[in-house]
C-alpha atoms as a PDB file:
ATOM      1  CA  MET A   1     105.566  92.527 114.403  1.00  0.00           C
ATOM      2  CA  THR A   2     102.971  90.251 112.866  1.00  0.00           C
ATOM      3  CA  LYS A   3      99.467  89.805 114.199  1.00  0.00           C
ATOM      4  CA  ASN A   4      97.763  86.534 115.025  1.00  0.00           C
ATOM      5  CA  ARG A   5      94.614  85.455 113.185  1.00  0.00           C
ATOM      6  CA  GLU A   6      92.315  86.710 115.917  1.00  0.00           C
ATOM      7  CA  ASN A   7      93.728  90.225 115.591  1.00  0.00           C
ATOM      8  CA  LEU A   8      93.808  89.969 111.803  1.00  0.00           C
ATOM      9  CA  ASP A   9      90.185  88.871 111.844  1.00  0.00           C
ATOM     10  CA  SER A  10      89.249  92.011 113.784  1.00  0.00           C
ATOM     11  CA  ASP A  11      91.190  94.142 111.308  1.00  0.00           C
ATOM     12  CA  LEU A  12      89.500  92.397 108.381  1.00  0.00           C
ATOM     13  CA  GLU A  13      86.059  92.938 109.883  1.00  0.00           C
ATOM     14  CA  ARG A  14      86.831  96.643 110.213  1.00  0.00           C
ATOM     15  CA  LEU A  15      88.205  96.671 106.652  1.00  0.00           C
ATOM     16  CA  GLN A  16      84.985  95.111 105.417  1.00  0.00           C
ATOM     17  CA  GLY A  17      83.023  97.977 106.931  1.00  0.00           C
ATOM     18  CA  TYR A  18      85.344 100.437 105.209  1.00  0.00           C
ATOM     19  CA  ALA A  19      84.906  98.556 101.924  1.00  0.00           C
ATOM     20  CA  ARG A  20      81.128  98.932 102.135  1.00  0.00           C
ATOM     21  CA  ALA A  21      81.354 102.623 102.937  1.00  0.00           C
ATOM     22  CA  LEU A  22      83.959 103.293 100.255  1.00  0.00           C
ATOM     23  CA  ALA A  23      81.926 101.432  97.626  1.00  0.00           C
ATOM     24  CA  ARG A  24      78.994 103.739  98.353  1.00  0.00           C
ATOM     25  CA  LYS A  25      81.182 106.852  98.316  1.00  0.00           C
ATOM     26  CA  TYR A  26      83.286 105.806  95.289  1.00  0.00           C
ATOM     27  CA  PRO A  27      81.092 103.689  92.992  1.00  0.00           C
ATOM     28  CA  GLU A  28      83.731 103.580  90.243  1.00  0.00           C
ATOM     29  CA  ALA A  29      86.302 100.816  90.772  1.00  0.00           C
ATOM     30  CA  GLN A  30      89.368 102.987  90.127  1.00  0.00           C
ATOM     31  CA  SER A  31      88.373 105.536  92.763  1.00  0.00           C
ATOM     32  CA  PHE A  32      87.392 102.802  95.199  1.00  0.00           C
ATOM     33  CA  TRP A  33      90.758 101.050  94.820  1.00  0.00           C
ATOM     34  CA  GLN A  34      92.679 104.303  95.264  1.00  0.00           C
ATOM     35  CA  GLU A  35      91.113 104.635  98.710  1.00  0.00           C
ATOM     36  CA  PHE A  36      90.846 100.963  99.657  1.00  0.00           C
ATOM     37  CA  SER A  37      94.213  99.547  98.595  1.00  0.00           C
ATOM     38  CA  GLY A  38      96.249 101.371 101.233  1.00  0.00           C
ATOM     39  CA  LEU A  39      93.949 100.129 103.985  1.00  0.00           C
ATOM     40  CA  ALA A  40      94.097  96.579 102.661  1.00  0.00           C
ATOM     41  CA  GLU A  41      97.881  96.704 102.337  1.00  0.00           C
ATOM     42  CA  GLU A  42      98.168  97.652 106.022  1.00  0.00           C
ATOM     43  CA  VAL A  43      96.265  94.535 107.048  1.00  0.00           C
ATOM     44  CA  LEU A  44      98.313  92.363 104.710  1.00  0.00           C
ATOM     45  CA  ARG A  45     101.557  93.872 105.974  1.00  0.00           C
ATOM     46  CA  ASP A  46     100.610  92.889 109.541  1.00  0.00           C
ATOM     47  CA  ALA A  47     100.002  89.264 108.553  1.00  0.00           C
ATOM     48  CA  ALA A  48     102.607  86.558 108.955  1.00  0.00           C
ATOM     49  CA  HIS A  49     103.786  84.996 105.700  1.00  0.00           C
ATOM     50  CA  GLU A  50     101.730  81.868 106.333  1.00  0.00           C
ATOM     51  CA  ASP A  51      98.562  83.985 106.746  1.00  0.00           C
ATOM     52  CA  HIS A  52      98.917  86.018 103.518  1.00  0.00           C
ATOM     53  CA  GLU A  53      96.730  83.727 101.415  1.00  0.00           C
ATOM     54  CA  TRP A  54      94.036  83.691 104.104  1.00  0.00           C
ATOM     55  CA  VAL A  55      94.059  87.502 104.297  1.00  0.00           C
ATOM     56  CA  LEU A  56      94.054  87.853 100.500  1.00  0.00           C
ATOM     57  CA  HIS A  57      91.116  85.457 100.240  1.00  0.00           C
ATOM     58  CA  ARG A  58      89.146  87.541 102.746  1.00  0.00           C
ATOM     59  CA  ILE A  59      90.009  90.789 100.936  1.00  0.00           C
ATOM     60  CA  ARG A  60      89.019  89.345  97.547  1.00  0.00           C
ATOM     61  CA  ARG A  61      85.729  88.127  98.990  1.00  0.00           C
ATOM     62  CA  MET A  62      84.847  91.457 100.607  1.00  0.00           C
ATOM     63  CA  VAL A  63      85.662  93.352  97.401  1.00  0.00           C
ATOM     64  CA  ALA A  64      83.489  90.979  95.386  1.00  0.00           C
ATOM     65  CA  GLU A  65      80.660  91.465  97.879  1.00  0.00           C
ATOM     66  CA  VAL A  66      80.695  95.227  97.309  1.00  0.00           C
ATOM     67  CA  GLY A  67      80.852  94.770  93.528  1.00  0.00           C
ATOM     68  CA  MET A  68      84.257  96.269  92.842  1.00  0.00           C
ATOM     69  CA  GLY A  69      85.363  93.653  90.340  1.00  0.00           C
ATOM     70  CA  GLY A  70      88.941  92.648  89.814  1.00  0.00           C
ATOM     71  CA  PRO A  71      91.534  94.089  92.160  1.00  0.00           C
ATOM     72  CA  PRO A  72      94.809  95.667  91.097  1.00  0.00           C
ATOM     73  CA  PRO A  73      97.760  93.272  90.580  1.00  0.00           C
ATOM     74  CA  LEU A  74      98.866  93.278  94.229  1.00  0.00           C
ATOM     75  CA  PHE A  75      95.639  91.560  95.248  1.00  0.00           C
ATOM     76  CA  SER A  76      95.080  89.280  92.270  1.00  0.00           C
END
């Protein structure tokens, strides 16, 4: 079952906190993405098709904010 944007927004806010913590714990991009990608995929999986771009935009922005550079192909 897909989530509405309000619920997705809550999930994305939580994911952003994880991104910050993971970036501190795993300063190398490869290690960061190994931990982060599964969490991000869960949020994306819960999004309706029409919300995928919105979710991807938010994920890209949060990753850029923590300095983790380019994402793996799924998120590019």
